C-alpha atoms as a PDB file:
ATOM      1  CA  MET A   1     101.899  50.572  59.521  1.00  0.00           C
ATOM      2  CA  GLU A   2     102.317  52.894  62.502  1.00  0.00           C
ATOM      3  CA  SER A   3     106.039  52.122  62.726  1.00  0.00           C
ATOM      4  CA  THR A   4     106.470  52.980  59.039  1.00  0.00           C
ATOM      5  CA  PHE A   5     104.564  56.254  59.453  1.00  0.00           C
ATOM      6  CA  TYR A   6     106.686  57.096  62.508  1.00  0.00           C
ATOM      7  CA  ALA A   7     109.897  56.336  60.621  1.00  0.00           C
ATOM      8  CA  ILE A   8     108.820  58.613  57.758  1.00  0.00           C
ATOM      9  CA  SER A   9     107.834  61.408  60.168  1.00  0.00           C
ATOM     10  CA  SER A  10     111.156  61.225  62.008  1.00  0.00           C
ATOM     11  CA  THR A  11     113.228  61.467  58.824  1.00  0.00           C
ATOM     12  CA  PHE A  12     111.072  63.735  56.645  1.00  0.00           C
ATOM     13  CA  PRO A  13     112.687  67.104  57.570  1.00  0.00           C
ATOM     14  CA  PHE A  14     116.119  65.519  57.075  1.00  0.00           C
ATOM     15  CA  ALA A  15     115.130  64.297  53.608  1.00  0.00           C
ATOM     16  CA  VAL A  16     113.681  67.708  52.665  1.00  0.00           C
ATOM     17  CA  CYS A  17     116.860  69.522  53.739  1.00  0.00           C
ATOM     18  CA  LEU A  18     119.068  67.004  51.939  1.00  0.00           C
ATOM     19  CA  LEU A  19     117.088  67.440  48.728  1.00  0.00           C
ATOM     20  CA  TRP A  20     117.326  71.226  48.911  1.00  0.00           C
ATOM     21  CA  THR A  21     121.050  71.030  49.687  1.00  0.00           C
ATOM     22  CA  CYS A  22     121.567  69.133  46.432  1.00  0.00           C
ATOM     23  CA  LEU A  23     119.305  71.469  44.431  1.00  0.00           C
ATOM     24  CA  LEU A  24     120.857  74.662  45.784  1.00  0.00           C
ATOM     25  CA  GLY A  25     124.387  73.294  45.432  1.00  0.00           C
ATOM     26  CA  ASP A  26     123.760  72.380  41.806  1.00  0.00           C
ATOM     27  CA  THR A  27     122.204  75.796  41.080  1.00  0.00           C
ATOM     28  CA  ALA A  28     125.112  77.571  42.778  1.00  0.00           C
ATOM     29  CA  ARG A  29     127.569  75.542  40.691  1.00  0.00           C
ATOM     30  CA  ARG A  30     125.801  76.409  37.448  1.00  0.00           C
ATOM     31  CA  LYS A  31     125.332  80.096  38.258  1.00  0.00           C
ATOM     32  CA  LYS A  32     128.667  80.477  40.058  1.00  0.00           C
ATOM     33  CA  ALA A  33     126.792  82.448  42.707  1.00  0.00           C
ATOM     34  CA  ALA A  34     128.536  82.922  46.058  1.00  0.00           C
ATOM     35  CA  ALA A  35     125.268  83.721  47.850  1.00  0.00           C
ATOM     36  CA  LEU A  36     123.693  80.488  46.659  1.00  0.00           C
ATOM     37  CA  TRP A  37     126.712  78.534  47.888  1.00  0.00           C
ATOM     38  CA  MET A  38     126.176  80.114  51.289  1.00  0.00           C
ATOM     39  CA  LEU A  39     122.485  79.203  51.208  1.00  0.00           C
ATOM     40  CA  ALA A  40     123.440  75.642  50.237  1.00  0.00           C
ATOM     41  CA  GLY A  41     125.765  75.584  53.255  1.00  0.00           C
ATOM     42  CA  PHE A  42     122.876  76.720  55.429  1.00  0.00           C
ATOM     43  CA  ALA A  43     120.725  73.904  53.969  1.00  0.00           C
ATOM     44  CA  LEU A  44     123.511  71.371  54.605  1.00  0.00           C
ATOM     45  CA  THR A  45     123.714  72.478  58.240  1.00  0.00           C
ATOM     46  CA  CYS A  46     119.944  72.040  58.562  1.00  0.00           C
ATOM     47  CA  THR A  47     120.374  68.579  57.024  1.00  0.00           C
ATOM     48  CA  VAL A  48     122.890  67.643  59.728  1.00  0.00           C
ATOM     49  CA  LEU A  49     120.627  69.105  62.410  1.00  0.00           C
ATOM     50  CA  TYR A  50     117.593  67.099  61.334  1.00  0.00           C
ATOM     51  CA  PHE A  51     119.717  63.989  60.826  1.00  0.00           C
ATOM     52  CA  CYS A  52     120.577  64.240  64.524  1.00  0.00           C
ATOM     53  CA  HIS A  53     116.878  64.655  65.321  1.00  0.00           C
ATOM     54  CA  ALA A  54     116.055  61.549  63.266  1.00  0.00           C
ATOM     55  CA  VAL A  55     118.712  59.542  65.099  1.00  0.00           C
ATOM     56  CA  PHE A  56     117.299  60.633  68.467  1.00  0.00           C
ATOM     57  CA  PHE A  57     113.712  59.718  67.580  1.00  0.00           C
ATOM     58  CA  ASN A  58     114.866  56.276  66.464  1.00  0.00           C
ATOM     59  CA  ASP A  59     116.649  55.673  69.791  1.00  0.00           C
ATOM     60  CA  GLU A  60     120.125  55.506  68.361  1.00  0.00           C
ATOM     61  CA  GLU A  61     121.657  58.710  69.747  1.00  0.00           C
ATOM     62  CA  THR A  62     125.348  58.519  70.623  1.00  0.00           C
ATOM     63  CA  PRO A  63     127.761  61.091  72.087  1.00  0.00           C
ATOM     64  CA  TRP A  64     129.140  61.984  68.651  1.00  0.00           C
ATOM     65  CA  VAL A  65     125.609  62.606  67.355  1.00  0.00           C
ATOM     66  CA  ARG A  66     124.937  64.903  70.321  1.00  0.00           C
ATOM     67  CA  ILE A  67     128.170  66.795  69.611  1.00  0.00           C
ATOM     68  CA  LEU A  68     127.236  67.106  65.935  1.00  0.00           C
ATOM     69  CA  TYR A  69     123.759  68.315  66.869  1.00  0.00           C
ATOM     70  CA  ARG A  70     125.117  71.109  69.052  1.00  0.00           C
ATOM     71  CA  GLY A  71     127.550  72.228  66.370  1.00  0.00           C
ATOM     72  CA  ALA A  72     124.825  72.373  63.715  1.00  0.00           C
ATOM     73  CA  ASN A  73     122.362  74.045  66.081  1.00  0.00           C
ATOM     74  CA  LEU A  74     124.803  76.863  66.835  1.00  0.00           C
ATOM     75  CA  ALA A  75     125.810  77.261  63.175  1.00  0.00           C
ATOM     76  CA  VAL A  76     122.331  77.704  61.631  1.00  0.00           C
ATOM     77  CA  TYR A  77     121.756  81.400  62.349  1.00  0.00           C
ATOM     78  CA  PRO A  78     125.388  82.500  61.771  1.00  0.00           C
ATOM     79  CA  LEU A  79     125.268  80.820  58.340  1.00  0.00           C
ATOM     80  CA  PHE A  80     122.041  82.626  57.510  1.00  0.00           C
ATOM     81  CA  TRP A  81     123.724  85.886  58.550  1.00  0.00           C
ATOM     82  CA  LEU A  82     126.622  85.092  56.197  1.00  0.00           C
ATOM     83  CA  TYR A  83     124.064  84.442  53.459  1.00  0.00           C
ATOM     84  CA  VAL A  84     122.517  87.882  54.070  1.00  0.00           C
ATOM     85  CA  ARG A  85     125.970  89.475  53.927  1.00  0.00           C
ATOM     86  CA  SER A  86     126.909  87.653  50.737  1.00  0.00           C
ATOM     87  CA  LEU A  87     123.739  88.973  49.066  1.00  0.00           C
ATOM     88  CA  SER A  88     124.176  92.553  50.212  1.00  0.00           C
ATOM     89  CA  GLU A  89     127.927  92.979  49.667  1.00  0.00           C
ATOM     90  CA  ALA A  90     129.948  93.017  46.480  1.00  0.00           C
ATOM     91  CA  GLY A  91     132.700  90.459  46.119  1.00  0.00           C
ATOM     92  CA  PRO A  92     133.646  87.537  48.365  1.00  0.00           C
ATOM     93  CA  LEU A  93     133.257  87.894  52.110  1.00  0.00           C
ATOM     94  CA  PRO A  94     136.465  88.653  54.030  1.00  0.00           C
ATOM     95  CA  LEU A  95     137.855  85.870  56.188  1.00  0.00           C
ATOM     96  CA  ARG A  96     137.070  87.828  59.360  1.00  0.00           C
ATOM     97  CA  ALA A  97     133.338  87.606  58.547  1.00  0.00           C
ATOM     98  CA  TYR A  98     133.378  83.938  59.504  1.00  0.00           C
ATOM     99  CA  TRP A  99     134.079  84.625  63.180  1.00  0.00           C
ATOM    100  CA  VAL A 100     130.342  84.145  63.749  1.00  0.00           C
ATOM    101  CA  LEU A 101     130.901  80.388  63.425  1.00  0.00           C
ATOM    102  CA  LEU A 102     133.232  80.307  66.451  1.00  0.00           C
ATOM    103  CA  PRO A 103     130.401  79.598  68.966  1.00  0.00           C
ATOM    104  CA  SER A 104     129.493  76.501  66.936  1.00  0.00           C
ATOM    105  CA  LEU A 105     133.071  75.220  66.961  1.00  0.00           C
ATOM    106  CA  ALA A 106     133.478  76.071  70.641  1.00  0.00           C
ATOM    107  CA  GLY A 107     130.201  74.305  71.514  1.00  0.00           C
ATOM    108  CA  MET A 108     131.283  71.147  69.695  1.00  0.00           C
ATOM    109  CA  LEU A 109     134.696  71.232  71.374  1.00  0.00           C
ATOM    110  CA  LEU A 110     133.179  71.760  74.828  1.00  0.00           C
ATOM    111  CA  CYS A 111     130.709  68.905  74.389  1.00  0.00           C
ATOM    112  CA  GLY A 112     133.483  66.659  73.072  1.00  0.00           C
ATOM    113  CA  ILE A 113     135.694  67.360  76.095  1.00  0.00           C
ATOM    114  CA  LEU A 114     132.849  66.733  78.542  1.00  0.00           C
ATOM    115  CA  TYR A 115     131.873  63.460  76.877  1.00  0.00           C
ATOM    116  CA  ALA A 116     135.502  62.296  76.657  1.00  0.00           C
ATOM    117  CA  SER A 117     136.169  63.066  80.331  1.00  0.00           C
ATOM    118  CA  ASP A 118     132.786  61.707  81.450  1.00  0.00           C
ATOM    119  CA  ALA A 119     132.283  64.969  83.386  1.00  0.00           C
ATOM    120  CA  ASP A 120     128.971  66.414  84.522  1.00  0.00           C
ATOM    121  CA  ARG A 121     127.126  67.782  81.485  1.00  0.00           C
ATOM    122  CA  GLY A 122     124.003  69.079  83.222  1.00  0.00           C
ATOM    123  CA  TRP A 123     125.133  72.704  83.033  1.00  0.00           C
ATOM    124  CA  VAL A 124     126.225  72.744  79.397  1.00  0.00           C
ATOM    125  CA  GLU A 125     122.780  72.376  77.796  1.00  0.00           C
ATOM    126  CA  PRO A 126     121.324  75.561  79.377  1.00  0.00           C
ATOM    127  CA  LEU A 127     124.548  77.415  78.489  1.00  0.00           C
ATOM    128  CA  LEU A 128     124.496  76.427  74.822  1.00  0.00           C
ATOM    129  CA  SER A 129     120.744  77.059  74.600  1.00  0.00           C
ATOM    130  CA  GLY A 130     121.401  80.574  75.884  1.00  0.00           C
ATOM    131  CA  VAL A 131     124.101  81.082  73.239  1.00  0.00           C
ATOM    132  CA  PHE A 132     121.636  79.912  70.560  1.00  0.00           C
ATOM    133  CA  LEU A 133     118.990  82.383  71.792  1.00  0.00           C
ATOM    134  CA  ALA A 134     121.551  85.195  71.706  1.00  0.00           C
ATOM    135  CA  GLU A 135     122.408  84.257  68.115  1.00  0.00           C
ATOM    136  CA  VAL A 136     118.733  84.363  67.112  1.00  0.00           C
ATOM    137  CA  VAL A 137     118.226  87.835  68.593  1.00  0.00           C
ATOM    138  CA  TRP A 138     121.476  89.231  67.169  1.00  0.00           C
ATOM    139  CA  VAL A 139     120.999  87.854  63.648  1.00  0.00           C
ATOM    140  CA  CYS A 140     117.399  89.108  63.513  1.00  0.00           C
ATOM    141  CA  PHE A 141     118.250  92.660  64.556  1.00  0.00           C
ATOM    142  CA  ALA A 142     121.520  92.910  62.619  1.00  0.00           C
ATOM    143  CA  GLY A 143     120.030  91.228  59.544  1.00  0.00           C
ATOM    144  CA  ILE A 144     116.964  93.455  59.392  1.00  0.00           C
ATOM    145  CA  ARG A 145     119.113  96.588  59.851  1.00  0.00           C
ATOM    146  CA  ARG A 146     121.460  95.498  57.075  1.00  0.00           C
ATOM    147  CA  LEU A 147     118.604  94.711  54.700  1.00  0.00           C
ATOM    148  CA  HIS A 148     116.899  98.053  55.427  1.00  0.00           C
ATOM    149  CA  ALA A 149     120.175  99.877  54.730  1.00  0.00           C
ATOM    150  CA  TYR A 150     120.593  97.932  51.493  1.00  0.00           C
ATOM    151  CA  ASP A 151     117.069  98.824  50.353  1.00  0.00           C
ATOM    152  CA  ARG A 152     117.670 102.516  51.118  1.00  0.00           C
ATOM    153  CA  ARG A 153     120.787 102.358  48.984  1.00  0.00           C
ATOM    154  CA  VAL A 154     118.835 100.804  46.126  1.00  0.00           C
ATOM    155  CA  GLU A 155     116.009 103.366  46.426  1.00  0.00           C
ATOM    156  CA  ASN A 156     118.539 106.198  46.217  1.00  0.00           C
ATOM    157  CA  PHE A 157     120.168 104.776  43.097  1.00  0.00           C
ATOM    158  CA  TYR A 158     117.324 103.352  40.999  1.00  0.00           C
ATOM    159  CA  ALA A 159     113.999 104.922  40.104  1.00  0.00           C
ATOM    160  CA  ASP A 160     112.628 101.432  39.424  1.00  0.00           C
ATOM    161  CA  THR A 161     113.275  99.141  42.391  1.00  0.00           C
ATOM    162  CA  GLU A 162     111.135  96.196  41.264  1.00  0.00           C
ATOM    163  CA  GLY A 163     113.113  92.971  41.615  1.00  0.00           C
ATOM    164  CA  LYS A 164     115.904  94.721  43.520  1.00  0.00           C
ATOM    165  CA  SER A 165     114.372  95.052  46.986  1.00  0.00           C
ATOM    166  CA  MET A 166     115.368  92.780  49.867  1.00  0.00           C
ATOM    167  CA  GLU A 167     111.809  92.706  51.221  1.00  0.00           C
ATOM    168  CA  PRO A 168     111.430  88.986  50.356  1.00  0.00           C
ATOM    169  CA  LEU A 169     114.582  88.246  52.347  1.00  0.00           C
ATOM    170  CA  ARG A 170     113.245  90.172  55.350  1.00  0.00           C
ATOM    171  CA  ARG A 171     110.124  88.012  55.219  1.00  0.00           C
ATOM    172  CA  LEU A 172     112.423  85.016  54.957  1.00  0.00           C
ATOM    173  CA  LEU A 173     114.191  86.072  58.141  1.00  0.00           C
ATOM    174  CA  TYR A 174     110.861  86.335  59.944  1.00  0.00           C
ATOM    175  CA  LEU A 175     110.000  82.872  58.627  1.00  0.00           C
ATOM    176  CA  LEU A 176     113.257  81.508  60.020  1.00  0.00           C
ATOM    177  CA  VAL A 177     112.421  83.007  63.408  1.00  0.00           C
ATOM    178  CA  LEU A 178     108.976  81.377  63.222  1.00  0.00           C
ATOM    179  CA  THR A 179     110.675  78.044  62.563  1.00  0.00           C
ATOM    180  CA  SER A 180     112.910  78.554  65.598  1.00  0.00           C
ATOM    181  CA  VAL A 181     109.936  79.500  67.788  1.00  0.00           C
ATOM    182  CA  ALA A 182     108.137  76.346  66.689  1.00  0.00           C
ATOM    183  CA  SER A 183     111.270  74.324  67.413  1.00  0.00           C
ATOM    184  CA  ALA A 184     111.672  75.941  70.843  1.00  0.00           C
ATOM    185  CA  LEU A 185     108.038  75.149  71.633  1.00  0.00           C
ATOM    186  CA  ALA A 186     108.605  71.523  70.636  1.00  0.00           C
ATOM    187  CA  ASN A 187     111.698  71.375  72.852  1.00  0.00           C
ATOM    188  CA  PHE A 188     109.736  72.942  75.724  1.00  0.00           C
ATOM    189  CA  LEU A 189     107.093  70.256  75.404  1.00  0.00           C
ATOM    190  CA  GLY A 190     109.921  67.741  75.407  1.00  0.00           C
ATOM    191  CA  ARG A 191     111.197  65.580  72.617  1.00  0.00           C
ATOM    192  CA  SER A 192     110.123  62.568  74.644  1.00  0.00           C
ATOM    193  CA  LEU A 193     106.498  63.643  74.060  1.00  0.00           C
ATOM    194  CA  PHE A 194     106.932  62.873  70.361  1.00  0.00           C
ATOM    195  CA  SER A 195     109.052  59.732  70.740  1.00  0.00           C
ATOM    196  CA  ASP A 196     107.240  56.580  69.609  1.00  0.00           C
ATOM    197  CA  SER A 197     104.164  58.705  68.920  1.00  0.00           C
ATOM    198  CA  LEU A 198     102.383  59.615  65.719  1.00  0.00           C
ATOM    199  CA  LEU A 199     102.257  63.187  67.109  1.00  0.00           C
ATOM    200  CA  LEU A 200     105.737  63.500  65.635  1.00  0.00           C
ATOM    201  CA  ALA A 201     104.095  64.030  62.245  1.00  0.00           C
ATOM    202  CA  VAL A 202     102.854  67.479  63.344  1.00  0.00           C
ATOM    203  CA  PRO A 203     106.249  69.183  63.942  1.00  0.00           C
ATOM    204  CA  SER A 204     107.767  67.108  61.127  1.00  0.00           C
ATOM    205  CA  VAL A 205     105.370  68.468  58.498  1.00  0.00           C
ATOM    206  CA  LEU A 206     105.422  71.994  59.980  1.00  0.00           C
ATOM    207  CA  PHE A 207     109.218  72.260  59.952  1.00  0.00           C
ATOM    208  CA  SER A 208     109.447  70.709  56.487  1.00  0.00           C
ATOM    209  CA  VAL A 209     106.985  73.207  55.008  1.00  0.00           C
ATOM    210  CA  LEU A 210     108.703  76.185  56.671  1.00  0.00           C
ATOM    211  CA  LEU A 211     112.122  75.020  55.505  1.00  0.00           C
ATOM    212  CA  CYS A 212     110.860  74.489  51.954  1.00  0.00           C
ATOM    213  CA  LEU A 213     109.583  78.072  51.906  1.00  0.00           C
ATOM    214  CA  ILE A 214     112.907  79.376  53.229  1.00  0.00           C
ATOM    215  CA  PHE A 215     114.960  77.526  50.624  1.00  0.00           C
ATOM    216  CA  TYR A 216     112.563  78.332  47.780  1.00  0.00           C
ATOM    217  CA  VAL A 217     112.438  82.076  48.467  1.00  0.00           C
ATOM    218  CA  GLY A 218     116.158  82.207  49.209  1.00  0.00           C
ATOM    219  CA  GLY A 219     116.987  80.363  45.997  1.00  0.00           C
ATOM    220  CA  ARG A 220     115.035  82.912  43.968  1.00  0.00           C
ATOM    221  CA  MET A 221     116.636  85.894  45.730  1.00  0.00           C
ATOM    222  CA  ASP A 222     120.123  85.379  44.394  1.00  0.00           C
ATOM    223  CA  HIS A 223     119.584  86.297  40.748  1.00  0.00           C
ATOM    224  CA  THR A 224     117.467  89.330  41.671  1.00  0.00           C
ATOM    225  CA  ALA A 225     120.176  90.735  43.920  1.00  0.00           C
ATOM    226  CA  GLN A 226     123.248  90.077  41.788  1.00  0.00           C
ATOM    227  CA  GLU A 227     122.990  93.243  39.707  1.00  0.00           C
ATOM    228  CA  VAL A 228     122.830  95.551  42.720  1.00  0.00           C
ATOM    229  CA  THR A 229     125.485  94.014  44.949  1.00  0.00           C
ATOM    230  CA  ALA A 230     128.072  96.000  43.022  1.00  0.00           C
ATOM    231  CA  LEU A 231     126.442  99.422  43.129  1.00  0.00           C
ATOM    232  CA  PRO A 232     129.194 101.916  42.398  1.00  0.00           C
ATOM    233  CA  GLU A 233     130.410 103.802  45.418  1.00  0.00           C
ATOM    234  CA  SER A 234     130.740 107.556  45.067  1.00  0.00           C
ATOM    235  CA  ARG A 235     134.360 108.669  45.008  1.00  0.00           C
ATOM    236  CA  GLU A 236     133.591 112.361  45.026  1.00  0.00           C
ATOM    237  CA  GLU A 237     134.872 114.756  47.640  1.00  0.00           C
ATOM    238  CA  ASP A 238     133.243 114.512  51.054  1.00  0.00           C
ATOM    239  CA  ASP A 239     132.419 118.240  51.308  1.00  0.00           C
ATOM    240  CA  GLU A 240     128.742 118.884  50.721  1.00  0.00           C
ATOM    241  CA  PRO A 241     127.160 122.106  49.471  1.00  0.00           C
ATOM    242  CA  ASP A 242     125.609 124.451  52.014  1.00  0.00           C
ATOM    243  CA  SER A 243     121.836 124.898  52.322  1.00  0.00           C
ATOM    244  CA  ASP A 244     121.628 127.626  49.642  1.00  0.00           C
ATOM    245  CA  GLU A 245     123.653 125.589  47.177  1.00  0.00           C
ATOM    246  CA  MET A 246     121.592 122.522  47.958  1.00  0.00           C
ATOM    247  CA  GLN A 247     118.348 124.426  47.314  1.00  0.00           C
ATOM    248  CA  ALA A 248     119.773 125.694  44.031  1.00  0.00           C
ATOM    249  CA  LEU A 249     120.670 122.127  43.085  1.00  0.00           C
ATOM    250  CA  LEU A 250     117.136 120.944  43.890  1.00  0.00           C
ATOM    251  CA  ASP A 251     115.711 123.744  41.714  1.00  0.00           C
ATOM    252  CA  ARG A 252     117.910 122.537  38.838  1.00  0.00           C
ATOM    253  CA  ILE A 253     116.795 118.949  39.397  1.00  0.00           C
ATOM    254  CA  CYS A 254     113.114 119.916  39.355  1.00  0.00           C
ATOM    255  CA  ALA A 255     113.577 122.135  36.297  1.00  0.00           C
ATOM    256  CA  LEU A 256     115.264 119.279  34.458  1.00  0.00           C
ATOM    257  CA  MET A 257     112.475 116.895  35.403  1.00  0.00           C
ATOM    258  CA  GLU A 258     109.785 119.295  34.218  1.00  0.00           C
ATOM    259  CA  SER A 259     111.430 120.668  31.076  1.00  0.00           C
ATOM    260  CA  ARG A 260     113.066 117.494  29.767  1.00  0.00           C
ATOM    261  CA  GLN A 261     110.633 115.043  31.422  1.00  0.00           C
ATOM    262  CA  LEU A 262     113.608 112.909  32.390  1.00  0.00           C
ATOM    263  CA  PHE A 263     111.357 110.883  34.691  1.00  0.00           C
ATOM    264  CA  ARG A 264     109.822 109.229  31.619  1.00  0.00           C
ATOM    265  CA  THR A 265     113.108 107.413  30.959  1.00  0.00           C
ATOM    266  CA  PRO A 266     112.592 103.708  31.779  1.00  0.00           C
ATOM    267  CA  GLY A 267     115.203 102.352  34.180  1.00  0.00           C
ATOM    268  CA  LEU A 268     116.333 105.843  35.193  1.00  0.00           C
ATOM    269  CA  LYS A 269     119.277 105.861  37.628  1.00  0.00           C
ATOM    270  CA  ILE A 270     120.612 108.674  39.760  1.00  0.00           C
ATOM    271  CA  THR A 271     123.874 108.570  37.789  1.00  0.00           C
ATOM    272  CA  ASP A 272     121.870 109.524  34.664  1.00  0.00           C
ATOM    273  CA  LEU A 273     120.590 112.593  36.486  1.00  0.00           C
ATOM    274  CA  ALA A 274     124.079 113.403  37.771  1.00  0.00           C
ATOM    275  CA  THR A 275     125.449 113.284  34.209  1.00  0.00           C
ATOM    276  CA  GLU A 276     122.740 115.663  32.957  1.00  0.00           C
ATOM    277  CA  LEU A 277     123.422 118.121  35.786  1.00  0.00           C
ATOM    278  CA  GLY A 278     127.192 117.824  35.807  1.00  0.00           C
ATOM    279  CA  SER A 279     127.038 117.001  39.513  1.00  0.00           C
ATOM    280  CA  ASN A 280     127.701 113.840  41.501  1.00  0.00           C
ATOM    281  CA  ARG A 281     125.153 111.332  42.701  1.00  0.00           C
ATOM    282  CA  THR A 282     125.954 111.764  46.392  1.00  0.00           C
ATOM    283  CA  TYR A 283     125.069 115.468  46.296  1.00  0.00           C
ATOM    284  CA  ILE A 284     121.893 114.772  44.371  1.00  0.00           C
ATOM    285  CA  SER A 285     120.841 111.921  46.633  1.00  0.00           C
ATOM    286  CA  ASN A 286     121.453 113.949  49.810  1.00  0.00           C
ATOM    287  CA  CYS A 287     119.692 116.953  48.303  1.00  0.00           C
ATOM    288  CA  ILE A 288     116.521 114.963  47.539  1.00  0.00           C
ATOM    289  CA  ASN A 289     116.643 113.062  50.839  1.00  0.00           C
ATOM    290  CA  ARG A 290     117.007 116.179  52.979  1.00  0.00           C
ATOM    291  CA  LEU A 291     114.987 118.820  51.164  1.00  0.00           C
ATOM    292  CA  LYS A 292     112.211 116.601  49.820  1.00  0.00           C
ATOM    293  CA  GLY A 293     112.266 114.032  52.639  1.00  0.00           C
ATOM    294  CA  GLU A 294     112.091 111.105  50.216  1.00  0.00           C
ATOM    295  CA  SER A 295     114.285 108.713  48.283  1.00  0.00           C
ATOM    296  CA  PHE A 296     115.354 109.216  44.682  1.00  0.00           C
ATOM    297  CA  SER A 297     112.943 106.439  43.668  1.00  0.00           C
ATOM    298  CA  ASP A 298     109.955 108.093  45.392  1.00  0.00           C
ATOM    299  CA  PHE A 299     110.940 111.490  43.993  1.00  0.00           C
ATOM    300  CA  VAL A 300     110.997 110.247  40.378  1.00  0.00           C
ATOM    301  CA  ASN A 301     107.884 108.104  40.722  1.00  0.00           C
ATOM    302  CA  ALA A 302     105.897 111.061  42.107  1.00  0.00           C
ATOM    303  CA  TYR A 303     106.591 112.872  38.807  1.00  0.00           C
ATOM    304  CA  ARG A 304     105.555 109.774  36.900  1.00  0.00           C
ATOM    305  CA  VAL A 305     102.285 109.443  38.803  1.00  0.00           C
ATOM    306  CA  ARG A 306     101.400 113.101  38.244  1.00  0.00           C
ATOM    307  CA  TYR A 307     102.126 112.687  34.546  1.00  0.00           C
ATOM    308  CA  ALA A 308     100.028 109.517  34.424  1.00  0.00           C
ATOM    309  CA  GLN A 309      97.164 111.372  36.116  1.00  0.00           C
ATOM    310  CA  SER A 310      97.234 114.035  33.403  1.00  0.00           C
ATOM    311  CA  LEU A 311      97.194 111.339  30.717  1.00  0.00           C
ATOM    312  CA  LEU A 312      94.269 109.559  32.382  1.00  0.00           C
ATOM    313  CA  LEU A 313      92.217 112.764  32.464  1.00  0.00           C
ATOM    314  CA  ARG A 314      92.763 113.609  28.821  1.00  0.00           C
ATOM    315  CA  ASN A 315      92.882 110.075  27.479  1.00  0.00           C
ATOM    316  CA  ASP A 316      91.261 110.558  24.087  1.00  0.00           C
ATOM    317  CA  GLY A 317      93.295 107.948  22.239  1.00  0.00           C
ATOM    318  CA  GLY A 318      91.821 104.910  23.916  1.00  0.00           C
ATOM    319  CA  LYS A 319      95.049 103.936  25.633  1.00  0.00           C
ATOM    320  CA  THR A 320      94.886 101.273  28.318  1.00  0.00           C
ATOM    321  CA  ILE A 321      95.923 102.089  31.872  1.00  0.00           C
ATOM    322  CA  ALA A 322      98.976  99.861  31.430  1.00  0.00           C
ATOM    323  CA  GLN A 323     100.002 101.800  28.307  1.00  0.00           C
ATOM    324  CA  ILE A 324      99.635 105.079  30.192  1.00  0.00           C
ATOM    325  CA  GLY A 325     101.884 103.732  32.958  1.00  0.00           C
ATOM    326  CA  ALA A 326     104.529 102.772  30.413  1.00  0.00           C
ATOM    327  CA  GLU A 327     104.296 106.210  28.765  1.00  0.00           C
ATOM    328  CA  ALA A 328     104.840 107.820  32.155  1.00  0.00           C
ATOM    329  CA  GLY A 329     108.101 105.890  32.546  1.00  0.00           C
ATOM    330  CA  PHE A 330     107.132 102.871  34.649  1.00  0.00           C
ATOM    331  CA  THR A 331     108.831  99.650  33.602  1.00  0.00           C
ATOM    332  CA  GLY A 332     105.872  97.388  34.431  1.00  0.00           C
ATOM    333  CA  ASP A 333     102.249  97.255  35.500  1.00  0.00           C
ATOM    334  CA  THR A 334     103.142  96.168  39.039  1.00  0.00           C
ATOM    335  CA  SER A 335     105.433  99.142  39.564  1.00  0.00           C
ATOM    336  CA  PHE A 336     102.839 101.551  38.136  1.00  0.00           C
ATOM    337  CA  PHE A 337      99.924 100.288  40.233  1.00  0.00           C
ATOM    338  CA  ARG A 338     102.012 100.036  43.410  1.00  0.00           C
ATOM    339  CA  ASN A 339     103.411 103.563  43.164  1.00  0.00           C
ATOM    340  CA  PHE A 340     100.124 105.090  42.030  1.00  0.00           C
ATOM    341  CA  LYS A 341      98.315 103.637  45.041  1.00  0.00           C
ATOM    342  CA  LYS A 342     101.176 104.557  47.364  1.00  0.00           C
ATOM    343  CA  ILE A 343     100.945 108.221  46.347  1.00  0.00           C
ATOM    344  CA  THR A 344      97.193 108.666  45.788  1.00  0.00           C
ATOM    345  CA  GLY A 345      95.761 105.950  48.018  1.00  0.00           C
ATOM    346  CA  GLN A 346      93.792 104.584  45.042  1.00  0.00           C
ATOM    347  CA  THR A 347      94.315 102.421  42.001  1.00  0.00           C
ATOM    348  CA  PRO A 348      94.468 104.309  38.659  1.00  0.00           C
ATOM    349  CA  SER A 349      91.003 103.094  37.612  1.00  0.00           C
ATOM    350  CA  ALA A 350      89.441 104.034  40.967  1.00  0.00           C
ATOM    351  CA  TRP A 351      91.098 107.445  40.905  1.00  0.00           C
ATOM    352  CA  LEU A 352      89.832 108.079  37.373  1.00  0.00           C
ATOM    353  CA  SER A 353      86.300 106.952  38.249  1.00  0.00           C
ATOM    354  CA  ASP A 354      86.180 109.399  41.159  1.00  0.00           C
ATOM    355  CA  ARG A 355      87.263 112.258  38.871  1.00  0.00           C
ATOM    356  CA  GLU A 356      84.691 111.333  36.213  1.00  0.00           C
ATOM    357  CA  MET A 357      81.884 111.301  38.811  1.00  0.00           C
ATOM    358  CA  SER A 358      82.832 114.667  40.326  1.00  0.00           C
END
């Protein structure tokens, strides 16, 4: 019984990764989504990695398995970085983007040479572990910066950013780091501690759960990001208006918002505003960012919240709070409640209750 439980524990993460590789690969094939193919590649690499772990814990490790393990270990974070890039860039990735996989290939080649020549390998493990740590740090910082920049771009193009933000992917990156920390802790304790021991079930279940969360969230991110990977780039002239012209442009923007109530348009984009003003979106975006100190999305939603507040105070038609949010221009209850609380610090019902009591 114990041997069966140990065998299951040693192979469980491998089985989980293999299952997700098949699921993600099939979804990527059906959707023809490049980002999902990259995520499936990441899952396949994790499958190879945990296959090597399973071989070790069943006392069957060979030099080729060790070489394969090092290659997969050094490819995990670069592949996740390529997944982030494929989500946040339009079109296929250029060939030069794949240079991040060179450490993995070099690590496999180095280990292969050392095993073939029967040379001393004591120094190579610390070296490759250091390379892996450098990859973790670099991918985390570069990935978070890229995702923040992407979200800023979205917020300056769309008034309604629900379903377009990369916040879930940032949480996914933190989750991947947590998985690596847990793995590093297990390695620090020593893999021998878990060999032939039912304690192996603890890291096995932990890693399997974390990996399932990563693949599940990542698999859902692709379809939400597809429509914004090809945001149109401005092709207008680079010269920007001076401060007086920019203030005049902001006055026109505010006048248009107040007179035409353009903010009430569901799914409003900055290009819609640019068309109304006969300007270009870069000028408008920079004008709002610099003079108002906020994104286009925050700027529009502030108008919507103020309009919703006026409707709440004079609500004599028995409209629900959700209906008032829709009338103000919000595309959903979640967006309305989130922005209302962000601006006022209260939910719509709490804000209205305070006004009725005063």
